N, C-alpha and C. Protein backbone atom coordinates (compact mmCIF):
# COMPACT_ATOMS: atom_id res chain seq x y z
N LEU A 1 0.77 -1.33 -0.05
CA LEU A 1 -0.16 -0.02 0.07
C LEU A 1 1.00 1.11 0.08
N GLY A 2 0.62 1.89 -0.78
CA GLY A 2 1.11 3.41 -0.99
C GLY A 2 0.56 4.50 0.00
N GLY A 3 1.12 5.68 0.24
CA GLY A 3 0.29 6.76 0.91
C GLY A 3 -0.17 7.71 -0.06
N GLY A 4 -0.95 8.69 0.62
CA GLY A 4 -1.35 9.85 -0.27
C GLY A 4 -2.46 9.29 -1.06
N THR A 5 -3.13 10.34 -1.88
CA THR A 5 -4.06 10.34 -2.69
C THR A 5 -3.93 9.35 -3.94
N GLY A 6 -2.72 9.18 -4.23
CA GLY A 6 -2.42 8.27 -5.25
C GLY A 6 -2.05 6.89 -5.15
N CYS A 7 -2.49 6.49 -4.02
CA CYS A 7 -2.22 5.27 -3.48
C CYS A 7 -2.82 4.06 -4.29
N GLU A 8 -1.97 2.98 -4.45
CA GLU A 8 -2.62 1.97 -5.17
C GLU A 8 -2.57 0.54 -4.35
N PHE A 9 -3.27 -0.41 -4.62
CA PHE A 9 -3.09 -1.64 -3.62
C PHE A 9 -2.95 -2.72 -4.42
N GLU A 10 -2.30 -3.79 -4.42
CA GLU A 10 -2.23 -5.00 -4.76
C GLU A 10 -3.37 -5.79 -4.62
N CYS A 11 -4.18 -5.75 -3.71
CA CYS A 11 -5.16 -6.49 -3.07
C CYS A 11 -6.48 -5.95 -3.86
N VAL A 12 -6.60 -6.31 -5.19
CA VAL A 12 -7.77 -5.61 -5.88
C VAL A 12 -8.40 -7.00 -6.43
N GLY A 13 -9.54 -7.03 -7.17
CA GLY A 13 -10.12 -8.22 -7.75
C GLY A 13 -10.64 -9.13 -6.70
N GLU A 14 -10.31 -10.30 -7.13
CA GLU A 14 -10.85 -11.48 -6.16
C GLU A 14 -10.26 -11.11 -4.76
N GLY A 15 -9.00 -10.63 -4.56
CA GLY A 15 -8.62 -10.49 -3.24
C GLY A 15 -9.39 -9.53 -2.37
N GLY A 16 -9.45 -8.31 -3.28
CA GLY A 16 -10.21 -7.13 -2.56
C GLY A 16 -11.67 -7.40 -2.18
N GLU A 17 -12.33 -8.27 -2.92
CA GLU A 17 -13.68 -8.77 -2.73
C GLU A 17 -13.93 -9.43 -1.39
N GLY A 18 -12.70 -9.93 -0.84
CA GLY A 18 -12.97 -10.59 0.55
C GLY A 18 -13.12 -9.44 1.59
N PHE A 19 -12.62 -8.21 1.27
CA PHE A 19 -12.94 -7.13 2.19
C PHE A 19 -14.18 -6.33 2.05
N ALA A 20 -14.23 -5.83 0.73
CA ALA A 20 -15.49 -4.97 0.33
C ALA A 20 -15.97 -5.43 -1.05
N GLY A 21 -17.43 -5.55 -0.90
CA GLY A 21 -17.97 -6.09 -2.09
C GLY A 21 -18.13 -5.22 -3.18
N ARG A 22 -18.59 -5.52 -4.44
CA ARG A 22 -18.52 -4.30 -5.66
C ARG A 22 -19.66 -3.41 -5.33
N GLU A 23 -20.90 -3.90 -4.53
CA GLU A 23 -21.76 -2.99 -4.43
C GLU A 23 -21.84 -2.30 -2.90
N GLY A 24 -20.81 -2.24 -2.35
CA GLY A 24 -20.40 -1.72 -1.01
C GLY A 24 -19.54 -2.52 -0.23
N GLY A 25 -19.07 -1.83 0.78
CA GLY A 25 -18.20 -2.52 1.87
C GLY A 25 -19.21 -3.65 2.64
N GLN A 26 -18.42 -4.56 2.96
CA GLN A 26 -18.86 -5.77 3.65
C GLN A 26 -17.93 -5.96 5.03
N GLY A 27 -16.64 -5.70 4.92
CA GLY A 27 -15.69 -5.83 6.15
C GLY A 27 -14.99 -7.17 5.93
N LEU A 28 -14.32 -7.15 6.79
CA LEU A 28 -13.51 -8.58 6.92
C LEU A 28 -14.44 -9.44 7.82
N THR A 29 -15.16 -10.52 6.98
CA THR A 29 -15.86 -11.31 7.52
C THR A 29 -15.17 -12.17 8.62
N ALA A 30 -16.25 -12.75 9.36
CA ALA A 30 -16.06 -13.83 10.39
C ALA A 30 -15.28 -15.01 9.79
N ASP A 31 -15.78 -15.30 8.56
CA ASP A 31 -15.17 -16.47 8.05
C ASP A 31 -13.71 -16.37 7.94
N ARG A 32 -13.37 -15.13 7.30
CA ARG A 32 -12.09 -14.93 6.70
C ARG A 32 -11.29 -14.83 8.22
N ARG A 33 -11.83 -14.29 9.12
CA ARG A 33 -11.01 -13.99 10.52
C ARG A 33 -10.70 -15.38 10.99
N GLY A 34 -11.65 -16.25 10.92
CA GLY A 34 -11.69 -17.80 11.24
C GLY A 34 -10.53 -18.44 10.54
N VAL A 35 -10.34 -18.18 9.27
CA VAL A 35 -9.06 -18.74 8.51
C VAL A 35 -7.96 -18.43 9.11
N LEU A 36 -7.85 -17.16 9.48
CA LEU A 36 -6.77 -16.61 9.83
C LEU A 36 -6.32 -17.24 11.15
N ALA A 37 -7.26 -17.53 11.85
CA ALA A 37 -7.05 -18.06 13.24
C ALA A 37 -6.76 -19.73 13.14
N GLY A 38 -6.77 -20.07 11.98
CA GLY A 38 -6.85 -21.68 11.77
C GLY A 38 -8.17 -22.57 12.28
N ALA A 39 -9.15 -21.62 12.40
CA ALA A 39 -10.37 -22.29 13.21
C ALA A 39 -11.20 -23.04 11.98
N ASP A 40 -10.84 -22.77 10.73
CA ASP A 40 -11.71 -23.34 9.72
C ASP A 40 -11.28 -24.88 9.48
N ARG A 41 -11.97 -25.50 8.55
CA ARG A 41 -11.67 -27.00 8.17
C ARG A 41 -10.32 -27.06 7.29
N ARG A 42 -10.40 -26.14 6.19
CA ARG A 42 -9.16 -26.31 5.46
C ARG A 42 -9.31 -24.84 4.62
N PRO A 43 -8.14 -24.25 4.36
CA PRO A 43 -6.76 -24.74 4.82
C PRO A 43 -6.72 -24.40 6.25
N ARG A 44 -5.43 -24.85 6.92
CA ARG A 44 -5.13 -24.84 8.28
C ARG A 44 -5.11 -23.38 8.75
N SER A 45 -4.44 -22.52 7.85
CA SER A 45 -4.33 -21.01 8.03
C SER A 45 -4.05 -20.14 6.86
N ASP A 46 -4.22 -19.09 6.74
CA ASP A 46 -3.89 -18.17 5.72
C ASP A 46 -2.79 -17.81 5.62
N LEU A 47 -1.75 -18.20 6.59
CA LEU A 47 -0.39 -17.67 6.61
C LEU A 47 0.61 -19.21 6.54
N PRO A 48 0.46 -19.61 5.44
CA PRO A 48 1.18 -21.07 5.21
C PRO A 48 2.70 -20.78 5.25
N ASN A 49 3.35 -19.52 4.85
CA ASN A 49 4.51 -19.41 4.87
C ASN A 49 5.11 -18.98 6.37
N VAL A 50 4.26 -18.34 7.08
CA VAL A 50 4.80 -18.07 8.54
C VAL A 50 4.77 -19.34 9.13
N ALA A 51 3.65 -20.32 9.06
CA ALA A 51 3.20 -21.43 9.72
C ALA A 51 4.59 -22.58 9.50
N ALA A 52 5.01 -22.39 8.12
CA ALA A 52 6.10 -23.23 7.62
C ALA A 52 7.44 -22.90 8.53
N ILE A 53 7.66 -21.49 8.58
CA ILE A 53 8.81 -21.11 9.39
C ILE A 53 8.78 -21.67 10.71
N LEU A 54 7.57 -21.36 11.41
CA LEU A 54 7.46 -21.76 12.89
C LEU A 54 7.77 -23.24 12.84
N ARG A 55 7.26 -23.99 12.17
CA ARG A 55 7.41 -25.49 12.14
C ARG A 55 8.82 -25.80 11.93
N GLU A 56 9.62 -25.03 11.11
CA GLU A 56 11.02 -25.07 10.71
C GLU A 56 11.88 -25.12 12.19
N ARG A 57 11.33 -24.07 12.69
CA ARG A 57 12.25 -23.68 13.93
C ARG A 57 11.90 -24.55 15.34
N GLN A 58 10.87 -25.08 15.18
CA GLN A 58 10.34 -25.78 16.26
C GLN A 58 10.94 -27.26 16.34
N VAL A 59 11.56 -27.69 17.42
CA VAL A 59 11.99 -28.96 17.70
C VAL A 59 11.11 -30.07 18.05
N PRO A 60 10.56 -30.96 17.01
CA PRO A 60 9.64 -31.90 17.45
C PRO A 60 9.99 -32.59 18.87
N CYS A 61 8.90 -32.48 19.67
CA CYS A 61 9.15 -32.89 21.17
C CYS A 61 7.83 -33.38 21.79
N VAL A 62 8.11 -34.06 22.60
CA VAL A 62 6.83 -34.57 23.45
C VAL A 62 6.03 -33.17 23.94
N GLY A 63 4.61 -33.41 23.61
CA GLY A 63 3.85 -32.43 24.32
C GLY A 63 3.30 -31.37 23.13
N LEU A 64 4.09 -31.23 22.21
CA LEU A 64 3.53 -30.52 20.93
C LEU A 64 2.30 -30.81 20.29
N ALA A 65 1.34 -30.21 20.02
CA ALA A 65 0.06 -30.33 19.44
C ALA A 65 0.23 -30.60 17.85
N THR A 66 -0.44 -31.41 17.46
CA THR A 66 -0.58 -31.87 16.14
C THR A 66 -1.81 -31.75 15.29
N LYS A 67 -1.95 -31.43 14.12
CA LYS A 67 -3.22 -31.07 13.39
C LYS A 67 -2.91 -31.63 11.92
N GLU A 68 -3.67 -32.66 11.44
CA GLU A 68 -3.55 -32.94 10.07
C GLU A 68 -4.94 -33.39 9.40
N TYR A 69 -4.64 -33.17 8.20
CA TYR A 69 -6.00 -33.38 7.44
C TYR A 69 -5.79 -34.56 6.43
N TYR A 70 -6.72 -35.38 6.60
CA TYR A 70 -6.70 -36.78 5.86
C TYR A 70 -7.94 -36.64 4.79
N GLU A 71 -7.66 -36.99 3.73
CA GLU A 71 -8.60 -37.18 2.62
C GLU A 71 -9.67 -38.43 2.82
N ALA A 72 -10.05 -38.82 1.61
CA ALA A 72 -11.14 -39.88 1.79
C ALA A 72 -10.34 -41.15 2.29
N PRO A 73 -11.23 -41.81 3.27
CA PRO A 73 -12.67 -41.67 3.60
C PRO A 73 -12.97 -40.81 4.61
N TYR A 74 -12.01 -39.93 5.21
CA TYR A 74 -12.25 -39.21 6.43
C TYR A 74 -12.80 -37.70 6.13
N HIS A 75 -11.77 -37.17 5.30
CA HIS A 75 -12.09 -35.79 4.87
C HIS A 75 -12.30 -34.74 6.10
N THR A 76 -11.39 -34.73 6.96
CA THR A 76 -11.45 -34.15 8.17
C THR A 76 -10.11 -34.04 8.92
N TRP A 77 -10.03 -32.91 9.89
CA TRP A 77 -8.84 -32.79 10.53
C TRP A 77 -8.76 -33.70 11.60
N PHE A 78 -7.58 -34.29 11.99
CA PHE A 78 -7.40 -35.07 13.05
C PHE A 78 -6.36 -34.20 14.10
N GLN A 79 -6.69 -33.85 15.30
CA GLN A 79 -5.84 -33.38 16.22
C GLN A 79 -5.20 -34.32 17.30
N GLY A 80 -3.85 -34.02 17.40
CA GLY A 80 -3.20 -35.05 18.30
C GLY A 80 -2.27 -34.33 19.11
N ARG A 81 -1.33 -35.22 19.75
CA ARG A 81 -0.23 -34.80 20.45
C ARG A 81 0.87 -35.75 20.47
N ILE A 82 2.09 -34.94 20.37
CA ILE A 82 3.28 -35.87 20.42
C ILE A 82 3.41 -36.53 21.71
N THR A 83 3.39 -37.71 22.11
CA THR A 83 3.54 -38.37 23.10
C THR A 83 4.92 -39.14 23.44
N ALA A 84 5.61 -39.52 22.45
CA ALA A 84 6.82 -40.03 22.58
C ALA A 84 7.84 -39.66 21.46
N ALA A 85 9.05 -39.55 21.73
CA ALA A 85 10.11 -39.08 20.69
C ALA A 85 11.24 -39.91 21.18
N HIS A 86 11.83 -40.56 20.21
CA HIS A 86 13.20 -41.47 20.23
C HIS A 86 13.79 -41.31 18.96
N GLY A 87 14.86 -40.49 19.24
CA GLY A 87 15.71 -40.49 17.97
C GLY A 87 14.98 -39.84 16.89
N ASN A 88 14.81 -40.51 15.55
CA ASN A 88 14.18 -40.00 14.45
C ASN A 88 12.79 -40.89 14.50
N SER A 89 12.16 -40.98 15.48
CA SER A 89 10.82 -41.63 15.64
C SER A 89 9.87 -40.91 16.62
N TRP A 90 8.89 -40.42 16.09
CA TRP A 90 7.84 -39.78 17.13
C TRP A 90 6.62 -40.50 16.96
N THR A 91 5.71 -40.55 18.15
CA THR A 91 4.63 -41.20 18.32
C THR A 91 3.46 -40.07 18.52
N ILE A 92 2.32 -39.91 17.67
CA ILE A 92 1.26 -39.04 17.84
C ILE A 92 0.12 -39.65 18.55
N SER A 93 -0.43 -39.18 19.55
CA SER A 93 -1.55 -39.86 20.27
C SER A 93 -2.71 -39.01 19.91
N TYR A 94 -3.98 -39.79 19.88
CA TYR A 94 -5.45 -39.07 19.46
C TYR A 94 -6.16 -39.11 20.55
N ALA A 95 -7.41 -38.37 20.53
CA ALA A 95 -8.16 -38.59 21.81
C ALA A 95 -8.93 -39.77 21.88
N ASN A 96 -9.13 -40.60 20.66
CA ASN A 96 -9.80 -41.64 20.66
C ASN A 96 -8.90 -42.88 21.00
N GLY A 97 -7.64 -42.73 21.47
CA GLY A 97 -6.68 -43.65 22.16
C GLY A 97 -5.87 -44.28 20.94
N SER A 98 -6.18 -43.84 19.76
CA SER A 98 -5.28 -44.54 18.65
C SER A 98 -3.90 -43.73 18.65
N THR A 99 -3.05 -44.33 18.00
CA THR A 99 -1.62 -43.38 17.92
C THR A 99 -1.02 -43.80 16.41
N LEU A 100 -0.11 -42.91 16.19
CA LEU A 100 0.44 -42.95 14.80
C LEU A 100 1.94 -42.81 15.00
N GLN A 101 2.90 -43.77 14.51
CA GLN A 101 4.50 -43.54 14.63
C GLN A 101 4.76 -42.95 13.29
N ILE A 102 5.63 -41.95 13.43
CA ILE A 102 6.27 -41.27 12.30
C ILE A 102 7.66 -41.30 12.37
N ASP A 103 8.31 -41.95 11.24
CA ASP A 103 9.73 -41.99 11.36
C ASP A 103 10.62 -40.99 10.58
N ASP A 104 9.81 -39.92 10.24
CA ASP A 104 10.41 -39.00 9.29
C ASP A 104 10.35 -37.59 9.71
N GLU A 105 11.60 -37.03 9.85
CA GLU A 105 11.27 -35.62 10.71
C GLU A 105 10.53 -34.61 9.95
N LEU A 106 10.66 -34.55 8.39
CA LEU A 106 9.85 -33.67 7.57
C LEU A 106 8.36 -33.89 7.84
N GLU A 107 8.23 -35.15 7.90
CA GLU A 107 6.68 -35.49 8.14
C GLU A 107 6.35 -35.04 9.60
N ILE A 108 6.96 -35.18 10.48
CA ILE A 108 6.41 -34.92 11.75
C ILE A 108 6.46 -33.48 12.07
N ARG A 109 7.35 -32.50 11.24
CA ARG A 109 7.24 -31.02 11.20
C ARG A 109 5.93 -30.56 10.73
N ARG A 110 5.69 -31.42 9.46
CA ARG A 110 4.57 -30.96 8.93
C ARG A 110 3.07 -30.94 9.73
N ALA A 111 3.38 -32.03 10.34
CA ALA A 111 2.04 -32.25 11.36
C ALA A 111 2.05 -31.43 12.55
N ILE A 112 3.07 -30.69 12.84
CA ILE A 112 3.15 -29.59 13.98
C ILE A 112 1.80 -28.75 13.86
N ASP A 113 1.03 -28.42 14.86
CA ASP A 113 -0.06 -27.44 14.74
C ASP A 113 0.57 -26.12 14.89
N ALA A 114 0.76 -25.24 13.97
CA ALA A 114 1.39 -24.04 14.20
C ALA A 114 0.52 -22.99 14.87
N THR A 115 -0.64 -23.18 14.82
CA THR A 115 -1.64 -22.27 15.42
C THR A 115 -1.78 -22.46 16.93
N ALA A 116 -1.03 -23.61 17.24
CA ALA A 116 -1.00 -24.09 18.81
C ALA A 116 0.60 -23.43 19.45
N LEU A 117 1.28 -22.97 18.55
CA LEU A 117 2.54 -22.87 19.20
C LEU A 117 2.42 -21.27 19.81
N PRO A 118 3.25 -21.01 21.00
CA PRO A 118 3.12 -19.92 21.56
C PRO A 118 3.37 -18.53 20.60
N GLU A 119 4.02 -18.67 19.57
CA GLU A 119 4.49 -17.56 18.71
C GLU A 119 3.26 -17.29 17.90
N TRP A 120 2.34 -18.03 17.66
CA TRP A 120 1.27 -17.72 16.63
C TRP A 120 0.31 -16.81 17.21
N ALA A 121 -0.29 -16.64 18.40
CA ALA A 121 -1.07 -15.49 18.79
C ALA A 121 -0.41 -14.11 18.54
N PRO A 122 0.84 -13.76 19.06
CA PRO A 122 1.15 -12.33 18.71
C PRO A 122 1.35 -12.08 17.25
N LEU A 123 1.75 -13.06 16.64
CA LEU A 123 2.03 -12.81 14.99
C LEU A 123 0.45 -12.71 14.34
N LEU A 124 -0.56 -13.46 14.72
CA LEU A 124 -1.77 -13.35 14.33
C LEU A 124 -2.12 -11.98 14.72
N ALA A 125 -2.12 -11.40 15.73
CA ALA A 125 -2.41 -10.06 16.23
C ALA A 125 -1.93 -8.81 15.21
N LYS A 126 -0.62 -9.13 14.98
CA LYS A 126 -0.03 -8.17 13.87
C LYS A 126 -0.70 -8.31 12.56
N VAL A 127 -1.02 -9.38 12.02
CA VAL A 127 -1.66 -9.55 10.77
C VAL A 127 -2.96 -9.14 10.87
N LYS A 128 -3.81 -9.46 11.73
CA LYS A 128 -5.15 -8.70 11.81
C LYS A 128 -5.20 -7.23 11.73
N GLY A 129 -4.05 -6.77 12.54
CA GLY A 129 -4.05 -5.22 12.20
C GLY A 129 -3.75 -4.69 10.97
N ALA A 130 -2.84 -5.49 10.05
CA ALA A 130 -2.69 -5.06 8.78
C ALA A 130 -4.32 -5.50 8.17
N TYR A 131 -4.80 -6.42 8.36
CA TYR A 131 -6.26 -6.65 7.61
C TYR A 131 -7.02 -5.27 7.97
N GLN A 132 -7.30 -4.92 9.16
CA GLN A 132 -7.92 -3.89 9.67
C GLN A 132 -7.49 -2.57 8.87
N TYR A 133 -6.30 -2.38 8.64
CA TYR A 133 -5.85 -1.21 7.95
C TYR A 133 -6.30 -1.28 6.46
N LEU A 134 -6.12 -2.46 6.03
CA LEU A 134 -6.61 -2.42 4.60
C LEU A 134 -8.19 -2.14 4.56
N GLU A 135 -8.82 -3.02 5.50
CA GLU A 135 -10.23 -2.84 5.33
C GLU A 135 -10.67 -1.60 5.59
N ASP A 136 -10.00 -0.59 6.45
CA ASP A 136 -10.48 0.77 6.86
C ASP A 136 -10.35 1.68 5.57
N ARG A 137 -9.33 1.34 4.67
CA ARG A 137 -9.10 1.97 3.49
C ARG A 137 -9.93 1.72 2.52
N ILE A 138 -10.20 0.64 2.43
CA ILE A 138 -11.02 0.11 1.19
C ILE A 138 -12.61 0.62 1.50
N THR A 139 -13.02 0.75 2.70
CA THR A 139 -14.22 1.10 3.22
C THR A 139 -14.39 2.71 3.44
N ASP A 140 -13.21 3.37 3.31
CA ASP A 140 -13.32 4.79 3.50
C ASP A 140 -13.28 5.09 5.02
N ASN A 141 -12.97 4.21 5.74
CA ASN A 141 -13.12 4.35 7.42
C ASN A 141 -11.69 4.91 7.78
N CYS A 142 -11.28 5.99 7.06
CA CYS A 142 -10.07 6.63 7.41
C CYS A 142 -10.16 7.99 6.95
N GLN A 143 -8.90 8.82 6.98
CA GLN A 143 -8.95 10.11 6.54
C GLN A 143 -8.88 10.14 5.20
N ALA A 144 -9.59 11.15 4.52
CA ALA A 144 -9.76 11.32 2.89
C ALA A 144 -8.60 10.89 2.19
N ALA A 145 -7.48 11.43 2.63
CA ALA A 145 -6.14 11.32 1.77
C ALA A 145 -5.98 9.81 1.57
N TYR A 146 -6.61 8.85 2.37
CA TYR A 146 -6.12 7.64 2.22
C TYR A 146 -7.01 6.74 1.77
N ALA A 147 -8.39 7.38 1.65
CA ALA A 147 -9.48 6.34 1.23
C ALA A 147 -9.29 5.70 -0.11
N CYS A 148 -9.85 4.41 -0.22
CA CYS A 148 -9.52 3.70 -1.37
C CYS A 148 -10.97 3.22 -2.02
N ALA A 149 -11.95 3.48 -1.42
CA ALA A 149 -13.24 2.87 -1.99
C ALA A 149 -13.58 2.99 -3.67
N GLU A 150 -13.40 4.17 -3.69
CA GLU A 150 -13.54 4.54 -5.19
C GLU A 150 -12.49 3.96 -6.17
N GLN A 151 -11.28 3.89 -5.77
CA GLN A 151 -10.22 3.14 -6.66
C GLN A 151 -10.83 1.71 -6.52
N HIS A 152 -11.01 0.86 -5.42
CA HIS A 152 -11.67 -0.35 -5.42
C HIS A 152 -12.69 -0.61 -6.56
N ARG A 153 -13.58 0.54 -6.52
CA ARG A 153 -14.84 0.29 -7.46
C ARG A 153 -14.32 0.43 -8.68
N VAL A 154 -13.45 1.24 -9.29
CA VAL A 154 -12.92 1.33 -10.31
C VAL A 154 -12.12 0.08 -10.89
N THR A 155 -11.31 -0.34 -9.79
CA THR A 155 -10.48 -1.51 -10.67
C THR A 155 -11.37 -2.71 -10.72
N GLY A 156 -12.28 -2.80 -9.84
CA GLY A 156 -13.54 -3.96 -9.83
C GLY A 156 -14.17 -3.77 -11.19
N LEU A 157 -14.78 -2.69 -11.61
CA LEU A 157 -15.38 -2.45 -12.90
C LEU A 157 -14.47 -2.89 -14.16
N LEU A 158 -13.05 -2.48 -14.17
CA LEU A 158 -12.12 -2.58 -15.02
C LEU A 158 -11.74 -4.02 -15.33
N ARG A 159 -12.23 -4.93 -14.34
CA ARG A 159 -12.07 -6.40 -14.56
C ARG A 159 -12.62 -6.90 -15.70
N ALA A 160 -13.81 -6.11 -16.21
CA ALA A 160 -14.40 -6.55 -17.44
C ALA A 160 -13.54 -6.74 -18.73
N PHE A 161 -12.24 -6.20 -18.59
CA PHE A 161 -11.38 -6.80 -19.57
C PHE A 161 -10.56 -7.75 -19.30
N ASN A 162 -10.69 -8.34 -18.21
CA ASN A 162 -9.95 -9.70 -17.94
C ASN A 162 -10.91 -10.82 -18.21
N PRO A 163 -10.54 -11.53 -19.62
CA PRO A 163 -11.47 -12.41 -19.98
C PRO A 163 -11.94 -13.70 -19.13
N SER A 164 -10.84 -13.97 -18.35
CA SER A 164 -11.36 -15.13 -17.23
C SER A 164 -12.23 -14.53 -16.18
N PHE A 165 -12.67 -13.14 -16.08
CA PHE A 165 -13.50 -12.66 -15.12
C PHE A 165 -14.82 -12.40 -15.93
N ALA A 166 -14.67 -11.63 -17.27
CA ALA A 166 -15.69 -11.25 -17.90
C ALA A 166 -16.80 -12.46 -18.14
N HIS A 167 -16.02 -13.80 -18.78
CA HIS A 167 -16.99 -14.71 -18.85
C HIS A 167 -17.64 -15.12 -17.71
N GLY A 168 -19.14 -15.11 -17.74
CA GLY A 168 -19.80 -15.28 -16.61
C GLY A 168 -20.17 -14.48 -15.55
N GLU A 169 -19.51 -13.28 -15.93
CA GLU A 169 -19.69 -12.30 -14.67
C GLU A 169 -20.09 -10.88 -15.26
N VAL A 170 -19.74 -10.59 -16.42
CA VAL A 170 -20.22 -9.30 -17.12
C VAL A 170 -21.32 -9.14 -17.83
N ASP A 171 -22.44 -8.33 -17.47
CA ASP A 171 -23.77 -8.21 -18.29
C ASP A 171 -23.84 -6.86 -18.56
N HIS A 172 -24.96 -6.33 -19.06
CA HIS A 172 -25.42 -5.27 -19.63
C HIS A 172 -25.37 -4.17 -18.53
N ARG A 173 -25.66 -4.58 -17.38
CA ARG A 173 -25.59 -3.43 -16.10
C ARG A 173 -24.12 -3.15 -15.67
N PHE A 174 -23.39 -4.38 -15.97
CA PHE A 174 -21.75 -4.24 -15.36
C PHE A 174 -21.30 -3.41 -16.44
N VAL A 175 -21.64 -3.44 -17.82
CA VAL A 175 -21.05 -2.58 -18.86
C VAL A 175 -21.56 -0.96 -18.75
N GLN A 176 -22.76 -1.00 -18.34
CA GLN A 176 -23.15 0.43 -18.11
C GLN A 176 -22.59 1.04 -16.90
N GLU A 177 -22.18 0.32 -15.93
CA GLU A 177 -21.28 0.96 -14.98
C GLU A 177 -20.01 1.26 -15.42
N LEU A 178 -19.59 0.39 -16.17
CA LEU A 178 -18.08 0.77 -16.65
C LEU A 178 -18.13 1.99 -17.71
N ALA A 179 -19.11 2.02 -18.40
CA ALA A 179 -18.93 3.02 -19.32
C ALA A 179 -19.24 4.31 -18.47
N ALA A 180 -19.80 4.41 -17.53
CA ALA A 180 -20.24 5.71 -16.78
C ALA A 180 -18.76 6.23 -16.09
N LEU A 181 -17.61 5.38 -16.05
CA LEU A 181 -16.62 5.78 -15.46
C LEU A 181 -15.95 7.26 -16.09
N PRO A 182 -15.37 8.23 -15.30
CA PRO A 182 -14.91 9.36 -16.06
C PRO A 182 -13.99 9.13 -16.99
N LEU A 183 -13.21 8.06 -16.75
CA LEU A 183 -12.15 7.87 -17.87
C LEU A 183 -12.57 7.66 -19.23
N PHE A 184 -13.87 7.33 -19.42
CA PHE A 184 -14.57 6.84 -20.72
C PHE A 184 -15.30 8.21 -21.24
N SER A 185 -15.43 9.21 -20.54
CA SER A 185 -16.15 10.36 -20.69
C SER A 185 -16.03 10.98 -21.90
N HIS A 186 -14.87 10.85 -22.71
CA HIS A 186 -14.49 11.52 -23.92
C HIS A 186 -14.88 10.68 -25.22
N VAL A 187 -15.48 9.40 -25.08
CA VAL A 187 -15.71 8.76 -26.04
C VAL A 187 -17.14 8.63 -26.19
N PRO A 188 -17.82 9.21 -27.22
CA PRO A 188 -19.16 9.39 -27.65
C PRO A 188 -20.03 7.94 -27.55
N ASN A 189 -21.05 7.93 -26.79
CA ASN A 189 -21.86 6.63 -27.15
C ASN A 189 -21.28 5.51 -26.65
N ILE A 190 -20.23 5.70 -25.65
CA ILE A 190 -19.32 4.43 -25.40
C ILE A 190 -20.15 3.19 -24.62
N ALA A 191 -21.13 3.59 -24.18
CA ALA A 191 -22.09 2.55 -23.40
C ALA A 191 -22.90 1.85 -24.59
N ASP A 192 -23.30 2.14 -25.49
CA ASP A 192 -24.19 1.87 -26.70
C ASP A 192 -23.04 0.91 -27.57
N HIS A 193 -21.82 1.21 -27.54
CA HIS A 193 -20.81 0.39 -28.46
C HIS A 193 -20.52 -0.75 -27.62
N LEU A 194 -20.10 -0.59 -26.51
CA LEU A 194 -19.77 -1.64 -25.53
C LEU A 194 -20.84 -2.61 -25.46
N ILE A 195 -22.11 -2.29 -25.26
CA ILE A 195 -23.13 -3.14 -25.18
C ILE A 195 -23.56 -3.91 -26.53
N GLU A 196 -23.22 -3.31 -27.75
CA GLU A 196 -23.30 -3.89 -29.01
C GLU A 196 -22.33 -5.05 -29.23
N GLU A 197 -21.20 -4.67 -28.67
CA GLU A 197 -19.86 -5.66 -28.82
C GLU A 197 -20.01 -6.71 -27.73
N LEU A 198 -20.87 -6.56 -26.76
CA LEU A 198 -20.64 -7.45 -25.64
C LEU A 198 -21.06 -8.94 -26.13
N PRO A 199 -21.94 -9.27 -26.67
CA PRO A 199 -22.21 -10.65 -27.06
C PRO A 199 -21.05 -11.35 -27.73
N LEU A 200 -20.47 -10.75 -28.70
CA LEU A 200 -19.18 -11.42 -29.34
C LEU A 200 -17.96 -11.22 -28.38
N TYR A 201 -17.86 -10.53 -27.53
CA TYR A 201 -16.72 -10.27 -26.56
C TYR A 201 -16.87 -11.38 -25.59
N LEU A 202 -18.08 -11.57 -25.47
CA LEU A 202 -18.16 -12.79 -24.18
C LEU A 202 -17.85 -14.25 -24.78
N VAL A 203 -18.26 -14.41 -25.99
CA VAL A 203 -18.24 -15.44 -26.71
C VAL A 203 -16.57 -15.74 -26.88
N ALA A 204 -15.90 -14.61 -27.01
CA ALA A 204 -14.41 -14.74 -27.33
C ALA A 204 -13.72 -15.10 -25.87
N CYS A 205 -14.34 -14.61 -24.90
CA CYS A 205 -13.83 -14.62 -23.51
C CYS A 205 -14.07 -16.27 -23.24
N GLY A 206 -15.20 -16.85 -23.72
CA GLY A 206 -15.32 -18.05 -23.10
C GLY A 206 -14.41 -19.17 -24.15
N GLN A 207 -14.08 -18.81 -25.14
CA GLN A 207 -13.38 -19.46 -26.09
C GLN A 207 -11.47 -19.25 -25.68
N SER A 208 -11.21 -18.30 -24.77
CA SER A 208 -10.11 -18.09 -24.43
C SER A 208 -9.36 -19.06 -23.74
N SER A 209 -8.32 -19.44 -24.17
CA SER A 209 -7.48 -20.44 -23.35
C SER A 209 -7.26 -19.97 -21.99
N ARG A 210 -7.23 -18.74 -21.68
CA ARG A 210 -6.94 -18.21 -20.25
C ARG A 210 -7.96 -18.31 -19.44
N ILE A 211 -9.14 -18.91 -19.77
CA ILE A 211 -10.11 -19.07 -18.73
C ILE A 211 -9.56 -19.97 -17.73
N GLY A 212 -9.73 -19.75 -16.52
CA GLY A 212 -9.21 -20.26 -15.25
C GLY A 212 -7.95 -20.13 -15.03
N ASP A 213 -7.05 -19.37 -15.67
CA ASP A 213 -5.78 -19.18 -15.55
C ASP A 213 -5.39 -17.68 -15.23
N GLN A 214 -5.32 -17.25 -14.21
CA GLN A 214 -5.11 -15.68 -14.01
C GLN A 214 -3.64 -15.78 -13.35
N SER A 215 -2.79 -16.59 -13.66
CA SER A 215 -1.36 -16.36 -13.12
C SER A 215 -0.65 -15.38 -13.74
N ASP A 216 -1.15 -14.53 -14.77
CA ASP A 216 -0.24 -13.46 -15.17
C ASP A 216 -1.22 -12.17 -14.81
């Protein structure tokens, strides 16, 4: 995020929609906060790099909490605790009385529940502060010089030129909102021209090989 009236932010489009909807601010949802805290089902947290660093620095030892997701037929998280450690072998015990022996250090590190480590809460508090800062700017809950709501609205409308977004999302109403932007005011009858070309444009978007690939 940059400062002043010319600020731009990376978190636009799909990312920004998590903080503010196109029709108005919705705020940082409870679901989003739960994901950050690692309270949801999957993923374990929205801070995978931080979690990986914490696990790398943590010595796998007796007493550490573990949390692992198992696919079919379980499709759920299993929480346990390391109850034995001998050389390169660790035992995880679960609430139902079952145990699991792991003989690979990389695997046991992956099983460590980073959200249960003492370092997690302070880090999470700092991240939530950053989320709140961004939310305040996108919803204009800040000084006028730092407000971003209008910029977020404009960048949201400009996604009409992204084929992978336009396909299935852009309609006549979307185009009319887009055409009403001041940056198009010098183009005569821009709304009529865009709406006229819309059907062919959407067909081209649907056929584009970029559908589903927004890596660039």
